């Protein structure tokens, strides 16, 4: 069984980002949604995940415009593969108006 969490940090302010909508596309084409909490985190997908390729969309445009006045990215998609061995996967996102990065966290 795989589990999944995410965390968003604004690298310009050095703070977590609350209220970002997330859309997770599953291998079967279905989607799940969530919203980051006051610490910029989300983990309550309500289901374990099978192995396969997923896309996690971070809807960051409104936040970047309201906070920084500019945004190059209307959304950011991170595509990743969950294995069949089970385990926890963490997909953090570091954002600014003109850049982002991600990695497999713990």
PDB file of N, CA and C in Angstrom:
ATOM      1  N   UNK A   1       0.854  -1.182   0.000  1.00  0.00           N
ATOM      2  CA  UNK A   1       0.000   0.000   0.000  1.00  0.00           C
ATOM      3  C   UNK A   1       0.900   1.246   0.000  1.00  0.00           C
ATOM      4  N   UNK A   2       0.603   2.193  -0.869  1.00  0.00           N
ATOM      5  CA  UNK A   2       1.322   3.460  -0.948  1.00  0.00           C
ATOM      6  C   UNK A   2       0.487   4.561  -0.325  1.00  0.00           C
ATOM      7  N   UNK A   3       1.163   5.495   0.336  1.00  0.00           N
ATOM      8  CA  UNK A   3       0.519   6.711   0.831  1.00  0.00           C
ATOM      9  C   UNK A   3       1.232   7.900   0.205  1.00  0.00           C
ATOM     10  N   UNK A   4       0.552   9.051   0.218  1.00  0.00           N
ATOM     11  CA  UNK A   4       1.059  10.228  -0.473  1.00  0.00           C
ATOM     12  C   UNK A   4       0.777  11.483   0.336  1.00  0.00           C
ATOM     13  N   UNK A   5       1.773  12.352   0.406  1.00  0.00           N
ATOM     14  CA  UNK A   5       1.588  13.664   1.037  1.00  0.00           C
ATOM     15  C   UNK A   5       2.329  14.708   0.205  1.00  0.00           C
ATOM     16  N   UNK A   6       2.030  15.980   0.491  1.00  0.00           N
ATOM     17  CA  UNK A   6       2.685  17.076  -0.204  1.00  0.00           C
ATOM     18  C   UNK A   6       2.836  18.260   0.737  1.00  0.00           C
ATOM     19  N   UNK A   7       3.721  19.172   0.355  1.00  0.00           N
ATOM     20  CA  UNK A   7       4.033  20.348   1.162  1.00  0.00           C
ATOM     21  C   UNK A   7       4.456  21.456   0.202  1.00  0.00           C
ATOM     22  N   UNK A   8       3.931  22.663   0.380  1.00  0.00           N
ATOM     23  CA  UNK A   8       4.301  23.783  -0.490  1.00  0.00           C
ATOM     24  C   UNK A   8       4.927  24.889   0.352  1.00  0.00           C
ATOM     25  N   UNK A   9       6.112  25.327  -0.075  1.00  0.00           N
ATOM     26  CA  UNK A   9       6.800  26.445   0.562  1.00  0.00           C
ATOM     27  C   UNK A   9       7.049  27.543  -0.460  1.00  0.00           C
ATOM     28  N   UNK A  10       6.822  28.777  -0.052  1.00  0.00           N
ATOM     29  CA  UNK A  10       7.118  29.950  -0.870  1.00  0.00           C
ATOM     30  C   UNK A  10       8.566  30.332  -0.585  1.00  0.00           C
ATOM     31  N   UNK A  11       9.449  30.165  -1.559  1.00  0.00           N
ATOM     32  CA  UNK A  11      10.866  30.434  -1.320  1.00  0.00           C
ATOM     33  C   UNK A  11      11.173  31.926  -1.228  1.00  0.00           C
ATOM     34  N   UNK A  12      10.279  32.776  -1.713  1.00  0.00           N
ATOM     35  CA  UNK A  12      10.487  34.224  -1.603  1.00  0.00           C
ATOM     36  C   UNK A  12      10.253  34.696  -0.175  1.00  0.00           C
ATOM     37  N   UNK A  13       9.182  34.208   0.441  1.00  0.00           N
ATOM     38  CA  UNK A  13       8.856  34.621   1.816  1.00  0.00           C
ATOM     39  C   UNK A  13       9.427  33.665   2.856  1.00  0.00           C
ATOM     40  N   UNK A  14       9.784  32.447   2.437  1.00  0.00           N
ATOM     41  CA  UNK A  14      10.274  31.450   3.381  1.00  0.00           C
ATOM     42  C   UNK A  14       9.177  30.843   4.235  1.00  0.00           C
ATOM     43  N   UNK A  15       7.937  30.909   3.751  1.00  0.00           N
ATOM     44  CA  UNK A  15       6.799  30.439   4.543  1.00  0.00           C
ATOM     45  C   UNK A  15       6.005  29.368   3.804  1.00  0.00           C
ATOM     46  N   UNK A  16       5.299  28.519   4.571  1.00  0.00           N
ATOM     47  CA  UNK A  16       4.393  27.555   3.938  1.00  0.00           C
ATOM     48  C   UNK A  16       3.224  28.276   3.294  1.00  0.00           C
ATOM     49  N   UNK A  17       2.625  27.625   2.298  1.00  0.00           N
ATOM     50  CA  UNK A  17       1.524  28.232   1.553  1.00  0.00           C
ATOM     51  C   UNK A  17       0.217  27.503   1.876  1.00  0.00           C
ATOM     52  N   UNK A  18      -0.678  28.223   2.509  1.00  0.00           N
ATOM     53  CA  UNK A  18      -1.991  27.696   2.866  1.00  0.00           C
ATOM     54  C   UNK A  18      -2.993  27.967   1.751  1.00  0.00           C
ATOM     55  N   UNK A  19      -3.931  27.042   1.570  1.00  0.00           N
ATOM     56  CA  UNK A  19      -5.063  27.284   0.675  1.00  0.00           C
ATOM     57  C   UNK A  19      -4.824  27.005  -0.789  1.00  0.00           C
ATOM     58  N   UNK A  20      -3.741  26.307  -1.132  1.00  0.00           N
ATOM     59  CA  UNK A  20      -3.509  25.948  -2.533  1.00  0.00           C
ATOM     60  C   UNK A  20      -4.319  24.692  -2.857  1.00  0.00           C
ATOM     61  N   UNK A  21      -5.096  24.749  -3.921  1.00  0.00           N
ATOM     62  CA  UNK A  21      -5.861  23.585  -4.365  1.00  0.00           C
ATOM     63  C   UNK A  21      -4.916  22.617  -5.064  1.00  0.00           C
ATOM     64  N   UNK A  22      -5.106  21.329  -4.800  1.00  0.00           N
ATOM     65  CA  UNK A  22      -4.334  20.260  -5.428  1.00  0.00           C
ATOM     66  C   UNK A  22      -5.291  19.346  -6.183  1.00  0.00           C
ATOM     67  N   UNK A  23      -4.887  18.909  -7.358  1.00  0.00           N
ATOM     68  CA  UNK A  23      -5.645  17.922  -8.109  1.00  0.00           C
ATOM     69  C   UNK A  23      -4.701  16.777  -8.439  1.00  0.00           C
ATOM     70  N   UNK A  24      -5.060  15.574  -8.011  1.00  0.00           N
ATOM     71  CA  UNK A  24      -4.252  14.396  -8.275  1.00  0.00           C
ATOM     72  C   UNK A  24      -4.947  13.547  -9.339  1.00  0.00           C
ATOM     73  N   UNK A  25      -4.254  13.337 -10.460  1.00  0.00           N
ATOM     74  CA  UNK A  25      -4.763  12.464 -11.526  1.00  0.00           C
ATOM     75  C   UNK A  25      -4.160  11.085 -11.329  1.00  0.00           C
ATOM     76  N   UNK A  26      -5.042  10.091 -11.260  1.00  0.00           N
ATOM     77  CA  UNK A  26      -4.629   8.710 -11.000  1.00  0.00           C
ATOM     78  C   UNK A  26      -4.412   7.964 -12.314  1.00  0.00           C
ATOM     79  N   UNK A  27      -3.744   6.809 -12.263  1.00  0.00           N
ATOM     80  CA  UNK A  27      -3.483   6.047 -13.495  1.00  0.00           C
ATOM     81  C   UNK A  27      -4.746   5.658 -14.268  1.00  0.00           C
ATOM     82  N   UNK A  28      -5.869   5.493 -13.574  1.00  0.00           N
ATOM     83  CA  UNK A  28      -7.114   5.119 -14.252  1.00  0.00           C
ATOM     84  C   UNK A  28      -7.870   6.317 -14.819  1.00  0.00           C
ATOM     85  N   UNK A  29      -7.303   7.529 -14.679  1.00  0.00           N
ATOM     86  CA  UNK A  29      -7.933   8.733 -15.210  1.00  0.00           C
ATOM     87  C   UNK A  29      -8.815   9.475 -14.220  1.00  0.00           C
ATOM     88  N   UNK A  30      -9.108   8.863 -13.082  1.00  0.00           N
ATOM     89  CA  UNK A  30      -9.907   9.553 -12.063  1.00  0.00           C
ATOM     90  C   UNK A  30      -9.057  10.596 -11.357  1.00  0.00           C
ATOM     91  N   UNK A  31      -9.708  11.530 -10.678  1.00  0.00           N
ATOM     92  CA  UNK A  31      -8.985  12.578  -9.964  1.00  0.00           C
ATOM     93  C   UNK A  31      -9.480  12.690  -8.521  1.00  0.00           C
ATOM     94  N   UNK A  32      -8.590  13.177  -7.686  1.00  0.00           N
ATOM     95  CA  UNK A  32      -8.893  13.513  -6.296  1.00  0.00           C
ATOM     96  C   UNK A  32      -8.445  14.952  -6.077  1.00  0.00           C
ATOM     97  N   UNK A  33      -9.071  15.652  -5.137  1.00  0.00           N
ATOM     98  CA  UNK A  33      -8.676  17.033  -4.863  1.00  0.00           C
ATOM     99  C   UNK A  33      -8.439  17.234  -3.368  1.00  0.00           C
ATOM    100  N   UNK A  34      -7.678  18.264  -3.073  1.00  0.00           N
ATOM    101  CA  UNK A  34      -7.405  18.646  -1.698  1.00  0.00           C
ATOM    102  C   UNK A  34      -6.941  20.084  -1.659  1.00  0.00           C
ATOM    103  N   UNK A  35      -6.734  20.600  -0.456  1.00  0.00           N
ATOM    104  CA  UNK A  35      -6.275  21.977  -0.257  1.00  0.00           C
ATOM    105  C   UNK A  35      -5.250  21.983   0.874  1.00  0.00           C
ATOM    106  N   UNK A  36      -4.157  22.706   0.681  1.00  0.00           N
ATOM    107  CA  UNK A  36      -3.113  22.740   1.705  1.00  0.00           C
ATOM    108  C   UNK A  36      -3.603  23.419   2.977  1.00  0.00           C
ATOM    109  N   UNK A  37      -3.115  22.917   4.112  1.00  0.00           N
ATOM    110  CA  UNK A  37      -3.491  23.459   5.418  1.00  0.00           C
ATOM    111  C   UNK A  37      -2.610  24.652   5.794  1.00  0.00           C
ATOM    112  N   UNK A  38      -2.716  25.120   7.022  1.00  0.00           N
ATOM    113  CA  UNK A  38      -1.985  26.313   7.477  1.00  0.00           C
ATOM    114  C   UNK A  38      -0.473  26.116   7.477  1.00  0.00           C
ATOM    115  N   UNK A  39      -0.015  24.860   7.443  1.00  0.00           N
ATOM    116  CA  UNK A  39       1.414  24.574   7.366  1.00  0.00           C
ATOM    117  C   UNK A  39       1.833  24.227   5.933  1.00  0.00           C
ATOM    118  N   UNK A  40       0.942  24.468   4.964  1.00  0.00           N
ATOM    119  CA  UNK A  40       1.251  24.207   3.563  1.00  0.00           C
ATOM    120  C   UNK A  40       1.234  22.741   3.190  1.00  0.00           C
ATOM    121  N   UNK A  41       0.631  21.902   4.017  1.00  0.00           N
ATOM    122  CA  UNK A  41       0.658  20.445   3.811  1.00  0.00           C
ATOM    123  C   UNK A  41      -0.713  19.885   3.447  1.00  0.00           C
ATOM    124  N   UNK A  42      -0.674  18.747   2.742  1.00  0.00           N
ATOM    125  CA  UNK A  42      -1.889  17.981   2.507  1.00  0.00           C
ATOM    126  C   UNK A  42      -1.523  16.509   2.430  1.00  0.00           C
ATOM    127  N   UNK A  43      -2.295  15.667   3.147  1.00  0.00           N
ATOM    128  CA  UNK A  43      -2.044  14.228   3.131  1.00  0.00           C
ATOM    129  C   UNK A  43      -3.323  13.404   3.217  1.00  0.00           C
ATOM    130  N   UNK A  44      -4.469  14.017   3.328  1.00  0.00           N
ATOM    131  CA  UNK A  44      -5.723  13.310   3.564  1.00  0.00           C
ATOM    132  C   UNK A  44      -6.458  12.969   2.276  1.00  0.00           C
ATOM    133  N   UNK A  45      -5.847  12.125   1.439  1.00  0.00           N
ATOM    134  CA  UNK A  45      -6.462  11.747   0.173  1.00  0.00           C
ATOM    135  C   UNK A  45      -7.605  10.760   0.371  1.00  0.00           C
ATOM    136  N   UNK A  46      -7.644  10.106   1.542  1.00  0.00           N
ATOM    137  CA  UNK A  46      -8.747   9.212   1.851  1.00  0.00           C
ATOM    138  C   UNK A  46      -8.649   7.833   1.242  1.00  0.00           C
ATOM    139  N   UNK A  47      -7.508   7.511   0.633  1.00  0.00           N
ATOM    140  CA  UNK A  47      -7.358   6.212  -0.014  1.00  0.00           C
ATOM    141  C   UNK A  47      -5.883   5.866  -0.123  1.00  0.00           C
ATOM    142  N   UNK A  48      -5.540   4.592  -0.046  1.00  0.00           N
ATOM    143  CA  UNK A  48      -4.173   4.188  -0.396  1.00  0.00           C
ATOM    144  C   UNK A  48      -4.040   4.193  -1.920  1.00  0.00           C
ATOM    145  N   UNK A  49      -2.821   4.148  -2.395  1.00  0.00           N
ATOM    146  CA  UNK A  49      -2.578   4.267  -3.832  1.00  0.00           C
ATOM    147  C   UNK A  49      -1.896   3.036  -4.400  1.00  0.00           C
ATOM    148  N   UNK A  50      -2.389   2.603  -5.554  1.00  0.00           N
ATOM    149  CA  UNK A  50      -1.776   1.491  -6.273  1.00  0.00           C
ATOM    150  C   UNK A  50      -0.560   2.003  -7.032  1.00  0.00           C
ATOM    151  N   UNK A  51       0.265   1.086  -7.472  1.00  0.00           N
ATOM    152  CA  UNK A  51       1.412   1.440  -8.297  1.00  0.00           C
ATOM    153  C   UNK A  51       0.931   2.063  -9.599  1.00  0.00           C
ATOM    154  N   UNK A  52       1.702   2.984 -10.131  1.00  0.00           N
ATOM    155  CA  UNK A  52       1.359   3.601 -11.403  1.00  0.00           C
ATOM    156  C   UNK A  52       1.876   5.013 -11.506  1.00  0.00           C
ATOM    157  N   UNK A  53       1.545   5.656 -12.610  1.00  0.00           N
ATOM    158  CA  UNK A  53       1.997   7.027 -12.879  1.00  0.00           C
ATOM    159  C   UNK A  53       0.874   7.997 -12.527  1.00  0.00           C
ATOM    160  N   UNK A  54       1.223   8.993 -11.734  1.00  0.00           N
ATOM    161  CA  UNK A  54       0.295  10.003 -11.224  1.00  0.00           C
ATOM    162  C   UNK A  54       0.773  11.392 -11.633  1.00  0.00           C
ATOM    163  N   UNK A  55      -0.158  12.333 -11.683  1.00  0.00           N
ATOM    164  CA  UNK A  55       0.194  13.740 -11.883  1.00  0.00           C
ATOM    165  C   UNK A  55      -0.476  14.550 -10.786  1.00  0.00           C
ATOM    166  N   UNK A  56       0.330  15.312 -10.079  1.00  0.00           N
ATOM    167  CA  UNK A  56      -0.170  16.185  -9.017  1.00  0.00           C
ATOM    168  C   UNK A  56      -0.100  17.618  -9.519  1.00  0.00           C
ATOM    169  N   UNK A  57      -1.270  18.254  -9.650  1.00  0.00           N
ATOM    170  CA  UNK A  57      -1.344  19.640 -10.123  1.00  0.00           C
ATOM    171  C   UNK A  57      -1.511  20.574  -8.924  1.00  0.00           C
ATOM    172  N   UNK A  58      -0.639  21.568  -8.852  1.00  0.00           N
ATOM    173  CA  UNK A  58      -0.687  22.611  -7.837  1.00  0.00           C
ATOM    174  C   UNK A  58      -1.265  23.866  -8.498  1.00  0.00           C
ATOM    175  N   UNK A  59      -2.419  24.307  -8.051  1.00  0.00           N
ATOM    176  CA  UNK A  59      -3.085  25.486  -8.622  1.00  0.00           C
ATOM    177  C   UNK A  59      -2.569  26.730  -7.880  1.00  0.00           C
ATOM    178  N   UNK A  60      -1.438  27.259  -8.337  1.00  0.00           N
ATOM    179  CA  UNK A  60      -0.707  28.285  -7.579  1.00  0.00           C
ATOM    180  C   UNK A  60      -0.865  29.709  -8.111  1.00  0.00           C
ATOM    181  N   UNK A  61      -1.497  29.895  -9.260  1.00  0.00           N
ATOM    182  CA  UNK A  61      -1.551  31.218  -9.900  1.00  0.00           C
ATOM    183  C   UNK A  61      -2.162  32.292  -9.003  1.00  0.00           C
ATOM    184  N   UNK A  62      -3.329  32.024  -8.468  1.00  0.00           N
ATOM    185  CA  UNK A  62      -4.017  33.024  -7.638  1.00  0.00           C
ATOM    186  C   UNK A  62      -3.163  33.420  -6.433  1.00  0.00           C
ATOM    187  N   UNK A  63      -2.544  32.441  -5.782  1.00  0.00           N
ATOM    188  CA  UNK A  63      -1.685  32.738  -4.626  1.00  0.00           C
ATOM    189  C   UNK A  63      -0.509  33.623  -5.043  1.00  0.00           C
ATOM    190  N   UNK A  64       0.185  33.262  -6.115  1.00  0.00           N
ATOM    191  CA  UNK A  64       1.360  34.031  -6.529  1.00  0.00           C
ATOM    192  C   UNK A  64       0.987  35.453  -6.946  1.00  0.00           C
ATOM    193  N   UNK A  65      -0.123  35.626  -7.636  1.00  0.00           N
ATOM    194  CA  UNK A  65      -0.571  36.967  -8.021  1.00  0.00           C
ATOM    195  C   UNK A  65      -0.920  37.784  -6.782  1.00  0.00           C
ATOM    196  N   UNK A  66      -1.689  37.200  -5.871  1.00  0.00           N
ATOM    197  CA  UNK A  66      -2.123  37.966  -4.695  1.00  0.00           C
ATOM    198  C   UNK A  66      -0.974  38.260  -3.742  1.00  0.00           C
ATOM    199  N   UNK A  67       0.021  37.396  -3.690  1.00  0.00           N
ATOM    200  CA  UNK A  67       1.131  37.578  -2.757  1.00  0.00           C
ATOM    201  C   UNK A  67       2.281  38.376  -3.350  1.00  0.00           C
ATOM    202  N   UNK A  68       2.603  38.111  -4.631  1.00  0.00           N
ATOM    203  CA  UNK A  68       3.789  38.719  -5.243  1.00  0.00           C
ATOM    204  C   UNK A  68       3.472  39.635  -6.420  1.00  0.00           C
ATOM    205  N   UNK A  69       2.217  39.676  -6.859  1.00  0.00           N
ATOM    206  CA  UNK A  69       1.829  40.546  -7.962  1.00  0.00           C
ATOM    207  C   UNK A  69       2.145  39.999  -9.334  1.00  0.00           C
ATOM    208  N   UNK A  70       2.832  38.863  -9.392  1.00  0.00           N
ATOM    209  CA  UNK A  70       3.206  38.267 -10.670  1.00  0.00           C
ATOM    210  C   UNK A  70       3.246  36.749 -10.533  1.00  0.00           C
ATOM    211  N   UNK A  71       3.021  36.092 -11.674  1.00  0.00           N
ATOM    212  CA  UNK A  71       3.149  34.643 -11.714  1.00  0.00           C
ATOM    213  C   UNK A  71       3.383  34.204 -13.146  1.00  0.00           C
ATOM    214  N   UNK A  72       4.422  33.458 -13.361  1.00  0.00           N
ATOM    215  CA  UNK A  72       4.701  32.890 -14.672  1.00  0.00           C
ATOM    216  C   UNK A  72       3.932  31.591 -14.877  1.00  0.00           C
ATOM    217  N   UNK A  73       3.550  30.946 -13.785  1.00  0.00           N
ATOM    218  CA  UNK A  73       2.917  29.624 -13.823  1.00  0.00           C
ATOM    219  C   UNK A  73       1.459  29.675 -13.394  1.00  0.00           C
ATOM    220  N   UNK A  74       0.522  29.349 -14.284  1.00  0.00           N
ATOM    221  CA  UNK A  74      -0.883  29.271 -13.877  1.00  0.00           C
ATOM    222  C   UNK A  74      -1.127  28.059 -12.989  1.00  0.00           C
ATOM    223  N   UNK A  75      -0.346  27.002 -13.217  1.00  0.00           N
ATOM    224  CA  UNK A  75      -0.360  25.813 -12.366  1.00  0.00           C
ATOM    225  C   UNK A  75       0.959  25.083 -12.593  1.00  0.00           C
ATOM    226  N   UNK A  76       1.273  24.185 -11.687  1.00  0.00           N
ATOM    227  CA  UNK A  76       2.494  23.384 -11.810  1.00  0.00           C
ATOM    228  C   UNK A  76       2.085  21.915 -11.706  1.00  0.00           C
ATOM    229  N   UNK A  77       2.482  21.131 -12.686  1.00  0.00           N
ATOM    230  CA  UNK A  77       2.211  19.700 -12.693  1.00  0.00           C
ATOM    231  C   UNK A  77       3.500  18.935 -12.381  1.00  0.00           C
ATOM    232  N   UNK A  78       3.403  18.030 -11.426  1.00  0.00           N
ATOM    233  CA  UNK A  78       4.508  17.140 -11.114  1.00  0.00           C
ATOM    234  C   UNK A  78       4.030  15.724 -11.418  1.00  0.00           C
ATOM    235  N   UNK A  79       4.690  15.074 -12.349  1.00  0.00           N
ATOM    236  CA  UNK A  79       4.348  13.709 -12.736  1.00  0.00           C
ATOM    237  C   UNK A  79       5.358  12.773 -12.067  1.00  0.00           C
ATOM    238  N   UNK A  80       4.871  11.686 -11.456  1.00  0.00           N
ATOM    239  CA  UNK A  80       5.749  10.777 -10.725  1.00  0.00           C
ATOM    240  C   UNK A  80       5.163   9.372 -10.766  1.00  0.00           C
ATOM    241  N   UNK A  81       6.003   8.410 -10.420  1.00  0.00           N
ATOM    242  CA  UNK A  81       5.574   7.017 -10.442  1.00  0.00           C
ATOM    243  C   UNK A  81       5.666   6.412  -9.052  1.00  0.00           C
ATOM    244  N   UNK A  82       4.571   5.804  -8.616  1.00  0.00           N
ATOM    245  CA  UNK A  82       4.541   5.072  -7.355  1.00  0.00           C
ATOM    246  C   UNK A  82       4.835   3.606  -7.644  1.00  0.00           C
ATOM    247  N   UNK A  83       5.689   3.013  -6.838  1.00  0.00           N
ATOM    248  CA  UNK A  83       6.064   1.617  -7.035  1.00  0.00           C
ATOM    249  C   UNK A  83       5.066   0.648  -6.435  1.00  0.00           C
ATOM    250  N   UNK A  84       5.259  -0.625  -6.717  1.00  0.00           N
ATOM    251  CA  UNK A  84       4.357  -1.641  -6.183  1.00  0.00           C
ATOM    252  C   UNK A  84       4.847  -2.232  -4.864  1.00  0.00           C
ATOM    253  N   UNK A  85       5.980  -1.765  -4.360  1.00  0.00           N
ATOM    254  CA  UNK A  85       6.512  -2.276  -3.098  1.00  0.00           C
ATOM    255  C   UNK A  85       5.854  -1.646  -1.875  1.00  0.00           C
ATOM    256  N   UNK A  86       5.063  -0.619  -2.071  1.00  0.00           N
ATOM    257  CA  UNK A  86       4.405   0.066  -0.952  1.00  0.00           C
ATOM    258  C   UNK A  86       5.350   1.042  -0.285  1.00  0.00           C
ATOM    259  N   UNK A  87       4.793   1.954   0.480  1.00  0.00           N
ATOM    260  CA  UNK A  87       5.603   2.933   1.186  1.00  0.00           C
ATOM    261  C   UNK A  87       4.976   4.311   1.123  1.00  0.00           C
ATOM    262  N   UNK A  88       5.664   5.232   1.764  1.00  0.00           N
ATOM    263  CA  UNK A  88       5.177   6.602   1.789  1.00  0.00           C
ATOM    264  C   UNK A  88       5.934   7.429   0.755  1.00  0.00           C
ATOM    265  N   UNK A  89       5.185   8.212  -0.006  1.00  0.00           N
ATOM    266  CA  UNK A  89       5.757   9.128  -0.986  1.00  0.00           C
ATOM    267  C   UNK A  89       5.375  10.543  -0.572  1.00  0.00           C
ATOM    268  N   UNK A  90       6.350  11.447  -0.625  1.00  0.00           N
ATOM    269  CA  UNK A  90       6.118  12.849  -0.276  1.00  0.00           C
ATOM    270  C   UNK A  90       6.603  13.696  -1.448  1.00  0.00           C
ATOM    271  N   UNK A  91       5.719  14.588  -1.945  1.00  0.00           N
ATOM    272  CA  UNK A  91       6.046  15.438  -3.089  1.00  0.00           C
ATOM    273  C   UNK A  91       6.001  16.901  -2.636  1.00  0.00           C
ATOM    274  N   UNK A  92       7.147  17.437  -2.214  1.00  0.00           N
ATOM    275  CA  UNK A  92       7.190  18.843  -1.826  1.00  0.00           C
ATOM    276  C   UNK A  92       7.355  19.737  -3.053  1.00  0.00           C
ATOM    277  N   UNK A  93       6.863  20.961  -2.926  1.00  0.00           N
ATOM    278  CA  UNK A  93       7.004  21.950  -3.995  1.00  0.00           C
ATOM    279  C   UNK A  93       7.508  23.248  -3.389  1.00  0.00           C
ATOM    280  N   UNK A  94       8.569  23.784  -3.964  1.00  0.00           N
ATOM    281  CA  UNK A  94       9.100  25.097  -3.599  1.00  0.00           C
ATOM    282  C   UNK A  94       8.738  26.041  -4.734  1.00  0.00           C
ATOM    283  N   UNK A  95       8.039  27.145  -4.409  1.00  0.00           N
ATOM    284  CA  UNK A  95       7.582  28.044  -5.470  1.00  0.00           C
ATOM    285  C   UNK A  95       8.026  29.483  -5.237  1.00  0.00           C
ATOM    286  N   UNK A  96       8.088  30.208  -6.327  1.00  0.00           N
ATOM    287  CA  UNK A  96       8.253  31.658  -6.356  1.00  0.00           C
ATOM    288  C   UNK A  96       7.546  32.123  -7.623  1.00  0.00           C
ATOM    289  N   UNK A  97       7.404  33.427  -7.845  1.00  0.00           N
ATOM    290  CA  UNK A  97       6.671  33.868  -9.037  1.00  0.00           C
ATOM    291  C   UNK A  97       7.265  33.387 -10.358  1.00  0.00           C
ATOM    292  N   UNK A  98       8.569  33.121 -10.406  1.00  0.00           N
ATOM    293  CA  UNK A  98       9.210  32.773 -11.668  1.00  0.00           C
ATOM    294  C   UNK A  98      10.026  31.486 -11.615  1.00  0.00           C
ATOM    295  N   UNK A  99       9.780  30.654 -10.600  1.00  0.00           N
ATOM    296  CA  UNK A  99      10.518  29.403 -10.524  1.00  0.00           C
ATOM    297  C   UNK A  99       9.879  28.434  -9.558  1.00  0.00           C
ATOM    298  N   UNK A 100      10.223  27.157  -9.725  1.00  0.00           N
ATOM    299  CA  UNK A 100       9.761  26.136  -8.800  1.00  0.00           C
ATOM    300  C   UNK A 100      10.746  24.966  -8.825  1.00  0.00           C
ATOM    301  N   UNK A 101      10.708  24.161  -7.785  1.00  0.00           N
ATOM    302  CA  UNK A 101      11.457  22.905  -7.761  1.00  0.00           C
ATOM    303  C   UNK A 101      10.713  21.909  -6.895  1.00  0.00           C
ATOM    304  N   UNK A 102      11.014  20.641  -7.138  1.00  0.00           N
ATOM    305  CA  UNK A 102      10.398  19.566  -6.399  1.00  0.00           C
ATOM    306  C   UNK A 102      11.397  18.424  -6.300  1.00  0.00           C
ATOM    307  N   UNK A 103      11.129  17.506  -5.403  1.00  0.00           N
ATOM    308  CA  UNK A 103      11.984  16.338  -5.204  1.00  0.00           C
ATOM    309  C   UNK A 103      11.159  15.303  -4.453  1.00  0.00           C
ATOM    310  N   UNK A 104      11.644  14.081  -4.353  1.00  0.00           N
ATOM    311  CA  UNK A 104      10.955  13.090  -3.538  1.00  0.00           C
ATOM    312  C   UNK A 104      11.418  13.276  -2.105  1.00  0.00           C
ATOM    313  N   UNK A 105      10.494  13.699  -1.259  1.00  0.00           N
ATOM    314  CA  UNK A 105      10.798  13.906   0.147  1.00  0.00           C
ATOM    315  C   UNK A 105      10.523  12.652   0.954  1.00  0.00           C
ATOM    316  N   UNK A 106      10.564  12.830   2.265  1.00  0.00           N
ATOM    317  CA  UNK A 106      10.317  11.682   3.145  1.00  0.00           C
ATOM    318  C   UNK A 106       9.125  11.914   4.035  1.00  0.00           C
TER     319      UNK A 106
END
